[in-house]
Amino acid sequence: MTAHDSFNDRLDDDDYPAYTMGRAAAMLGTTQGFLRAIGEARLITPLRSEGGHRRYSRYQLRIAARARELVDQGTPIEAACRIIILEDQLEEAQRINAEYRRAAEAPEGPPAE
């Protein structure tokens, strides 16, 4: 694997913190203050560069975009963050429940002799 391949792999990684705060805000059409506010509400926790600058991943930008959507609809920022956290928890619980259901419905192996 070359250094170029490694770089491309990171760009394809949804969790790689590739975006500066300014770039993230521009992409979302929002302010840096909005990104700081959702960070303070613990909706997302950006990674920090060696210089201490916030860096955001594509996954975090999707979450921030959802928060902005709710805020644009008139939801207070703290409530929007809580809604998104609860939506995420519900999705995870449903995923786990589906796994349990599949395991319970799976045919058992051959009887032990």
Protein backbone atom coordinates (compact mmCIF):
# COMPACT_ATOMS: atom_id res chain seq x y z
CA MET A 1 0.00 0.00 0.00
CA THR A 2 1.38 3.40 -0.95
CA ALA A 3 1.02 6.66 0.98
CA HIS A 4 -1.44 7.75 -1.74
CA ASP A 5 -3.61 4.66 -1.11
CA SER A 6 -3.55 5.34 2.63
CA PHE A 7 -4.65 8.95 2.05
CA ASN A 8 -7.51 7.81 -0.20
CA ASP A 9 -8.61 5.25 2.39
CA ARG A 10 -8.83 8.01 5.01
CA LEU A 11 -10.94 10.17 2.70
CA ASP A 12 -13.35 7.27 2.20
CA ASP A 13 -13.61 6.81 5.98
CA ASP A 14 -16.79 8.47 7.35
CA ASP A 15 -15.07 8.90 10.71
CA TYR A 16 -11.87 10.53 9.45
CA PRO A 17 -11.71 14.16 10.71
CA ALA A 18 -10.99 15.75 7.34
CA TYR A 19 -12.83 19.07 7.65
CA THR A 20 -11.81 22.21 9.50
CA MET A 21 -14.43 24.16 11.41
CA GLY A 22 -14.55 26.85 8.71
CA ARG A 23 -14.94 24.32 5.91
CA ALA A 24 -17.56 22.36 7.87
CA ALA A 25 -19.59 25.51 8.56
CA ALA A 26 -19.41 26.54 4.90
CA MET A 27 -20.49 23.08 3.73
CA LEU A 28 -23.48 23.15 6.10
CA GLY A 29 -24.36 26.75 5.35
CA THR A 30 -24.14 27.64 9.02
CA THR A 31 -21.82 29.46 11.38
CA GLN A 32 -18.85 28.28 13.36
CA GLY A 33 -20.81 29.34 16.45
CA PHE A 34 -23.49 26.78 15.56
CA LEU A 35 -20.85 24.04 15.40
CA ARG A 36 -19.45 25.15 18.75
CA ALA A 37 -22.96 25.13 20.25
CA ILE A 38 -23.73 21.57 19.17
CA GLY A 39 -20.31 20.58 20.48
CA GLU A 40 -21.09 22.18 23.84
CA ALA A 41 -24.41 20.30 23.86
CA ARG A 42 -22.31 17.14 23.34
CA LEU A 43 -24.09 16.19 20.15
CA ILE A 44 -20.76 15.83 18.39
CA THR A 45 -17.21 15.95 19.70
CA PRO A 46 -14.81 17.05 17.00
CA LEU A 47 -11.30 15.75 17.11
CA ARG A 48 -8.51 18.26 17.56
CA SER A 49 -5.52 18.78 15.31
CA GLU A 50 -2.06 18.96 16.85
CA GLY A 51 -2.55 22.73 16.94
CA GLY A 52 -5.85 22.36 18.83
CA HIS A 53 -8.15 23.18 15.91
CA ARG A 54 -11.46 21.35 15.61
CA ARG A 55 -11.72 18.76 12.83
CA TYR A 56 -14.98 17.16 11.70
CA SER A 57 -15.75 13.89 9.95
CA ARG A 58 -18.40 13.31 7.30
CA TYR A 59 -20.43 11.39 9.89
CA GLN A 60 -20.33 14.38 12.24
CA LEU A 61 -21.33 16.70 9.40
CA ARG A 62 -24.41 14.55 8.73
CA ILE A 63 -25.39 14.84 12.39
CA ALA A 64 -24.77 18.60 12.34
CA ALA A 65 -26.90 18.91 9.19
CA ARG A 66 -29.76 17.11 10.95
CA ALA A 67 -29.43 19.51 13.90
CA ARG A 68 -29.47 22.49 11.57
CA GLU A 69 -32.59 21.13 9.87
CA LEU A 70 -34.39 20.93 13.24
CA VAL A 71 -33.18 24.38 14.31
CA ASP A 72 -34.29 25.84 10.96
CA GLN A 73 -37.76 24.41 11.70
CA GLY A 74 -37.85 26.37 14.98
CA THR A 75 -36.58 23.76 17.45
CA PRO A 76 -34.28 25.23 20.12
CA ILE A 77 -30.70 24.00 19.66
CA GLU A 78 -30.60 22.12 22.98
CA ALA A 79 -33.86 20.33 22.14
CA ALA A 80 -32.64 19.54 18.61
CA CYS A 81 -29.50 17.94 20.04
CA ARG A 82 -31.54 15.89 22.50
CA ILE A 83 -33.91 14.75 19.74
CA ILE A 84 -31.00 13.56 17.60
CA ILE A 85 -29.41 11.73 20.53
CA LEU A 86 -32.71 9.98 21.26
CA GLU A 87 -33.20 9.12 17.58
CA ASP A 88 -29.73 7.58 17.54
CA GLN A 89 -30.41 5.59 20.73
CA LEU A 90 -33.72 4.34 19.31
CA GLU A 91 -32.05 3.27 16.06
CA GLU A 92 -29.37 1.35 18.00
CA ALA A 93 -31.99 -0.33 20.22
CA GLN A 94 -33.98 -1.37 17.15
CA ARG A 95 -30.84 -2.79 15.53
CA ILE A 96 -30.01 -4.82 18.64
CA ASN A 97 -33.62 -6.00 18.94
CA ALA A 98 -33.58 -7.17 15.30
CA GLU A 99 -30.36 -9.11 15.96
CA TYR A 100 -31.94 -10.82 18.96
CA ARG A 101 -35.03 -11.64 16.91
CA ARG A 102 -32.94 -13.16 14.10
CA ALA A 103 -30.96 -15.22 16.61
CA ALA A 104 -34.16 -16.48 18.26
CA GLU A 105 -35.69 -17.42 14.91
CA ALA A 106 -32.57 -19.18 13.60
CA PRO A 107 -32.85 -22.95 13.51
CA GLU A 108 -30.88 -24.64 16.21
CA GLY A 109 -27.94 -26.83 15.26
CA PRO A 110 -28.17 -30.64 15.20
CA PRO A 111 -29.09 -32.25 18.52
CA ALA A 112 -26.18 -33.27 20.71
CA GLU A 113 -25.56 -36.99 20.92
